[in-house]
C-alpha atoms as a PDB file:
ATOM      1  CA  UNK A   1      32.431  -2.144  35.494  1.00  0.00           C
ATOM      2  CA  UNK A   2      33.672  -1.293  32.278  1.00  0.00           C
ATOM      3  CA  UNK A   3      31.013   1.799  31.642  1.00  0.00           C
ATOM      4  CA  UNK A   4      29.627  -0.024  28.272  1.00  0.00           C
ATOM      5  CA  UNK A   5      28.383  -2.580  30.803  1.00  0.00           C
ATOM      6  CA  UNK A   6      27.016  -0.191  33.027  1.00  0.00           C
ATOM      7  CA  UNK A   7      25.331   1.438  30.274  1.00  0.00           C
ATOM      8  CA  UNK A   8      23.698  -2.057  28.904  1.00  0.00           C
ATOM      9  CA  UNK A   9      22.603  -2.537  32.054  1.00  0.00           C
ATOM     10  CA  UNK A  10      21.095   0.880  32.866  1.00  0.00           C
ATOM     11  CA  UNK A  11      18.806   0.457  29.428  1.00  0.00           C
ATOM     12  CA  UNK A  12      18.080  -3.260  30.286  1.00  0.00           C
ATOM     13  CA  UNK A  13      16.946  -2.081  33.962  1.00  0.00           C
ATOM     14  CA  UNK A  14      14.861   0.437  32.284  1.00  0.00           C
ATOM     15  CA  UNK A  15      13.147  -2.282  30.310  1.00  0.00           C
ATOM     16  CA  UNK A  16       9.821  -1.009  28.261  1.00  0.00           C
ATOM     17  CA  UNK A  17       9.623   1.882  30.679  1.00  0.00           C
ATOM     18  CA  UNK A  18       9.581   5.256  28.809  1.00  0.00           C
ATOM     19  CA  UNK A  19      12.710   7.459  29.893  1.00  0.00           C
ATOM     20  CA  UNK A  20      10.783  10.234  30.508  1.00  0.00           C
ATOM     21  CA  UNK A  21       8.911   8.014  33.702  1.00  0.00           C
ATOM     22  CA  UNK A  22      12.558   6.752  34.789  1.00  0.00           C
ATOM     23  CA  UNK A  23      13.849  10.687  34.321  1.00  0.00           C
ATOM     24  CA  UNK A  24      11.059  11.743  36.669  1.00  0.00           C
ATOM     25  CA  UNK A  25      11.241   9.548  39.328  1.00  0.00           C
ATOM     26  CA  UNK A  26      14.813   9.903  40.029  1.00  0.00           C
ATOM     27  CA  UNK A  27      14.972  13.647  39.258  1.00  0.00           C
ATOM     28  CA  UNK A  28      17.024  13.870  36.270  1.00  0.00           C
ATOM     29  CA  UNK A  29      16.265  15.297  32.888  1.00  0.00           C
ATOM     30  CA  UNK A  30      15.762  12.652  30.053  1.00  0.00           C
ATOM     31  CA  UNK A  31      18.548  13.663  28.429  1.00  0.00           C
ATOM     32  CA  UNK A  32      20.807  13.180  30.973  1.00  0.00           C
ATOM     33  CA  UNK A  33      19.278   9.347  31.546  1.00  0.00           C
ATOM     34  CA  UNK A  34      20.000   8.983  27.929  1.00  0.00           C
ATOM     35  CA  UNK A  35      23.692  10.449  28.192  1.00  0.00           C
ATOM     36  CA  UNK A  36      24.154   7.987  30.967  1.00  0.00           C
ATOM     37  CA  UNK A  37      22.452   5.242  28.882  1.00  0.00           C
ATOM     38  CA  UNK A  38      24.641   5.797  26.018  1.00  0.00           C
ATOM     39  CA  UNK A  39      27.695   6.426  27.709  1.00  0.00           C
ATOM     40  CA  UNK A  40      28.371   9.841  26.612  1.00  0.00           C
ATOM     41  CA  UNK A  41      27.746  10.729  30.778  1.00  0.00           C
ATOM     42  CA  UNK A  42      29.061   9.636  33.933  1.00  0.00           C
ATOM     43  CA  UNK A  43      25.824  10.270  36.763  1.00  0.00           C
ATOM     44  CA  UNK A  44      27.664  11.718  40.060  1.00  0.00           C
ATOM     45  CA  UNK A  45      27.419   9.845  42.865  1.00  0.00           C
ATOM     46  CA  UNK A  46      23.652  10.786  43.773  1.00  0.00           C
ATOM     47  CA  UNK A  47      22.496  10.027  40.737  1.00  0.00           C
ATOM     48  CA  UNK A  48      23.669   6.662  40.963  1.00  0.00           C
ATOM     49  CA  UNK A  49      22.265   6.177  44.354  1.00  0.00           C
ATOM     50  CA  UNK A  50      18.814   7.615  43.214  1.00  0.00           C
ATOM     51  CA  UNK A  51      18.754   4.987  40.085  1.00  0.00           C
ATOM     52  CA  UNK A  52      19.919   2.058  42.635  1.00  0.00           C
ATOM     53  CA  UNK A  53      16.719   2.968  44.592  1.00  0.00           C
ATOM     54  CA  UNK A  54      14.493   3.381  41.301  1.00  0.00           C
ATOM     55  CA  UNK A  55      15.540  -0.026  39.878  1.00  0.00           C
ATOM     56  CA  UNK A  56      15.531  -1.230  44.032  1.00  0.00           C
ATOM     57  CA  UNK A  57      18.846  -2.743  43.588  1.00  0.00           C
ATOM     58  CA  UNK A  58      22.271  -1.693  44.997  1.00  0.00           C
ATOM     59  CA  UNK A  59      24.646   0.768  43.396  1.00  0.00           C
ATOM     60  CA  UNK A  60      27.214  -2.305  43.349  1.00  0.00           C
ATOM     61  CA  UNK A  61      25.019  -4.267  41.540  1.00  0.00           C
ATOM     62  CA  UNK A  62      23.877  -1.251  38.969  1.00  0.00           C
ATOM     63  CA  UNK A  63      27.485   0.051  38.732  1.00  0.00           C
ATOM     64  CA  UNK A  64      29.742  -2.649  39.397  1.00  0.00           C
ATOM     65  CA  UNK A  65      28.518  -5.579  39.140  1.00  0.00           C
ATOM     66  CA  UNK A  66      31.597  -7.563  36.988  1.00  0.00           C
ATOM     67  CA  UNK A  67      34.006  -5.965  39.452  1.00  0.00           C
ATOM     68  CA  UNK A  68      33.081  -8.002  42.507  1.00  0.00           C
ATOM     69  CA  UNK A  69      33.182 -10.979  40.091  1.00  0.00           C
ATOM     70  CA  UNK A  70      36.950 -10.107  39.361  1.00  0.00           C
ATOM     71  CA  UNK A  71      39.736 -11.462  41.069  1.00  0.00           C
ATOM     72  CA  UNK A  72      41.610  -9.261  43.909  1.00  0.00           C
ATOM     73  CA  UNK A  73      44.205  -7.424  41.641  1.00  0.00           C
ATOM     74  CA  UNK A  74      48.049  -8.735  42.182  1.00  0.00           C
ATOM     75  CA  UNK A  75      49.892  -6.228  43.424  1.00  0.00           C
ATOM     76  CA  UNK A  76      53.255  -8.127  42.865  1.00  0.00           C
ATOM     77  CA  UNK A  77      53.689  -9.275  46.477  1.00  0.00           C
ATOM     78  CA  UNK A  78      53.827 -13.177  46.964  1.00  0.00           C
ATOM     79  CA  UNK A  79      53.972 -12.983  50.633  1.00  0.00           C
ATOM     80  CA  UNK A  80      57.495 -14.522  50.607  1.00  0.00           C
ATOM     81  CA  UNK A  81      60.153 -12.976  52.274  1.00  0.00           C
END
């Protein structure tokens, strides 16, 4: 997923919840959550897992949803010999 899409999804998942509440529940600072939502920082894998648990979704849904919809890359191999 493009980072901008993941950032929008993070903001929309938070909804009306205050950043302070989400950050405390996940164990990160408010400034870190804000940076993840604004796209100025990328969360480490452990933080991605914590955010996904908090929002009750998989890491894949939260950070890689668009990638799951994409067709597999064409590596140039047509299978012909």
